[in-house]
Structures are given as C-alpha cells and as structure tokens.
Protein backbone atom coordinates (compact mmCIF):
# COMPACT_ATOMS: atom_id res chain seq x y z
CA MET A 1 74.04 45.02 75.95
CA ARG A 2 77.17 43.13 77.01
CA ASN A 3 79.07 46.41 77.29
CA LYS A 4 76.55 47.96 79.66
CA PRO A 5 78.62 47.24 82.85
CA ALA A 6 81.73 48.66 81.20
CA ALA A 7 79.84 51.77 80.07
CA LEU A 8 78.41 52.30 83.57
CA ALA A 9 81.88 51.91 85.10
CA LEU A 10 83.27 54.49 82.67
CA ILE A 11 80.47 56.96 83.44
CA ALA A 12 80.99 56.47 87.19
CA ALA A 13 84.74 57.09 86.82
CA VAL A 14 84.13 60.32 84.86
CA LEU A 15 81.62 61.58 87.42
CA LEU A 16 83.98 60.83 90.30
CA MET A 17 86.83 62.70 88.62
CA ALA A 18 84.78 65.82 87.78
CA PRO A 19 84.86 67.38 91.28
CA VAL A 20 88.61 66.86 91.51
CA ARG A 21 89.24 68.74 88.28
CA ALA A 22 86.91 71.54 89.38
CA ALA A 23 88.75 71.89 92.68
CA PHE A 24 92.10 72.27 90.92
CA ALA A 25 90.60 74.82 88.54
CA HIS A 26 89.73 77.09 91.48
CA LYS A 27 92.90 76.69 93.54
CA MET A 28 93.64 79.84 95.54
CA LEU A 29 97.15 81.34 95.68
CA ALA A 30 98.63 83.97 97.99
CA ALA A 31 101.63 86.27 98.29
CA CYS A 32 102.95 88.70 100.91
CA ARG A 33 105.17 91.74 100.60
CA VAL A 34 106.88 93.35 103.60
CA HIS A 35 107.52 97.10 103.58
CA ASP A 36 110.45 98.87 105.26
CA ASP A 37 108.17 100.24 108.00
CA GLY A 38 107.26 96.73 109.22
CA THR A 39 103.85 96.64 107.58
CA ALA A 40 102.93 93.95 105.10
CA LEU A 41 100.52 93.51 102.23
CA ALA A 42 98.99 90.08 101.72
CA GLN A 43 96.98 89.18 98.64
CA ALA A 44 94.99 86.13 97.56
CA PHE A 45 94.14 85.34 93.96
CA PHE A 46 93.23 82.51 91.62
CA PRO A 47 95.52 81.01 88.95
CA ASP A 48 93.69 82.96 86.23
CA GLY A 49 94.72 86.21 87.97
CA LYS A 50 91.31 87.06 89.38
CA PRO A 51 91.40 88.32 92.98
CA ALA A 52 89.97 86.25 95.82
CA ARG A 53 87.50 88.94 96.84
CA MET A 54 86.22 89.38 100.37
CA VAL A 55 87.74 86.13 101.68
CA HIS A 56 88.33 85.64 105.41
CA VAL A 57 91.88 86.48 106.54
CA GLN A 58 93.71 85.43 109.72
CA VAL A 59 97.18 86.69 110.62
CA TYR A 60 99.31 84.80 113.15
CA ARG A 61 102.34 86.06 115.08
CA PRO A 62 105.63 84.14 115.02
CA ASP A 63 104.63 82.46 118.33
CA GLY A 64 101.50 81.06 116.63
CA SER A 65 98.96 83.28 118.39
CA LEU A 66 96.24 84.99 116.38
CA PHE A 67 97.18 88.63 115.76
CA VAL A 68 94.26 89.93 113.68
CA GLU A 69 91.50 88.70 111.40
CA GLY A 70 89.24 90.35 108.88
CA ARG A 71 88.28 90.27 105.22
CA ALA A 72 90.32 90.92 102.11
CA ASP A 73 89.14 93.80 99.95
CA ASP A 74 87.62 93.47 96.49
CA LYS A 75 91.13 93.08 95.04
CA GLY A 76 91.97 90.21 97.43
CA LYS A 77 94.33 92.46 99.42
CA PHE A 78 94.75 92.75 103.18
CA ASP A 79 97.02 95.33 104.86
CA ILE A 80 98.83 94.14 107.98
CA ARG A 81 100.22 96.55 110.56
CA THR A 82 102.32 94.19 112.64
CA ASP A 83 103.24 94.85 116.26
CA GLY A 84 106.90 94.59 115.20
CA ALA A 85 107.48 91.10 116.60
CA PRO A 86 110.39 89.72 114.59
CA GLY A 87 110.14 86.30 113.02
CA LEU A 88 108.05 84.29 110.59
CA TRP A 89 104.43 85.47 110.42
CA ARG A 90 101.63 83.41 108.84
CA VAL A 91 98.55 84.55 106.91
CA THR A 92 95.64 82.31 105.94
CA PHE A 93 92.95 83.16 103.43
CA THR A 94 89.74 81.11 103.57
CA GLY A 95 87.10 81.44 100.88
CA SER A 96 83.91 79.71 99.93
CA MET A 97 83.69 76.08 98.88
CA GLY A 98 86.67 75.10 101.02
CA HIS A 99 89.26 77.28 99.29
CA LYS A 100 92.12 77.95 101.69
CA VAL A 101 95.69 79.09 101.21
CA GLU A 102 98.51 80.10 103.53
CA SER A 103 101.41 82.46 102.98
CA ARG A 104 104.28 83.53 105.24
CA PHE A 105 106.40 86.62 105.63
CA THR A 106 109.31 87.58 107.85
CA ILE A 107 109.66 90.66 110.02
CA ALA A 108 113.33 91.31 110.68
CA ALA A 109 114.64 92.00 114.18
CA PRO A 110 115.59 95.64 114.80
CA GLU A 111 119.21 96.39 113.97
CA GLY A 112 121.46 95.65 116.94
CA ALA A 113 118.88 93.48 118.71
CA ALA A 114 120.11 90.17 120.09
CA PRO A 115 118.49 87.06 118.62
CA ALA A 116 115.82 85.54 120.88
CA SER A 117 117.97 82.45 121.43
CA ALA A 118 120.79 84.63 122.76
CA ALA A 119 118.62 86.56 125.21
CA ARG A 120 119.14 85.61 128.86
CA PRO A 121 116.87 86.33 131.81
CA ALA A 122 118.10 89.00 134.23
C-alpha cells in the first residue's frame, strides 16, 4: 500500500497525456495549387491521407478581408475563383473537435503591372 500515491500519480499522468496524443493523431494538413487562369484548388487532409470532408472553409484576400466561405467537398477540396487581386491569399479549414489549419497561395500580378508600392495617386 505504500506505492498507492505513486501509482495514482502515474495513472493521473497517463490520463492527462492521452488527449494530447489523440489531438496529434488527428492533426489536419492543407495544400493549395494555383492554376494559370488565376483559380486555385485548396485541399485539407489528415496525416493518414484521409480527406477532411465537409469542413468549413474561409478564403481571405491579400488585404485580409474575407473573400468567400463555404464547405469542402467529400474529398476535402475547395475550388477558389479569385477576383484576380495579386498577392498572398489565405485559406483556413475548420473541422470538428477544434481541428483547424491554414494554407496560403500567391496570385501573381498581371504582366506589366506596376507593384502596389510603386503606384502613385493621380
């Protein structure tokens, strides 16, 4: 019976660690691919390769404003038809149980366009 406090401490430590391991096991990942026409495909998935089905998706313009939101399909994919704004776009996928991941993609400025920092008011 002298080891009872040590055994209880060990059990408590194991129980406290269990949710942490479970959270890492279900980490969500994401990737984006930009097409030549300025559209993009974003996809969310789990480390085992299974798609993050029907998760909530939010797409943000380079200025940080919300562009569009919706749900990924049953393959974890979400098609994005940008408005052509050049710069770094951001996509967030939010699933159940607190799963959330962010990915970014860049839309290039049209050829011959001056960079925003070089533009001057008329």
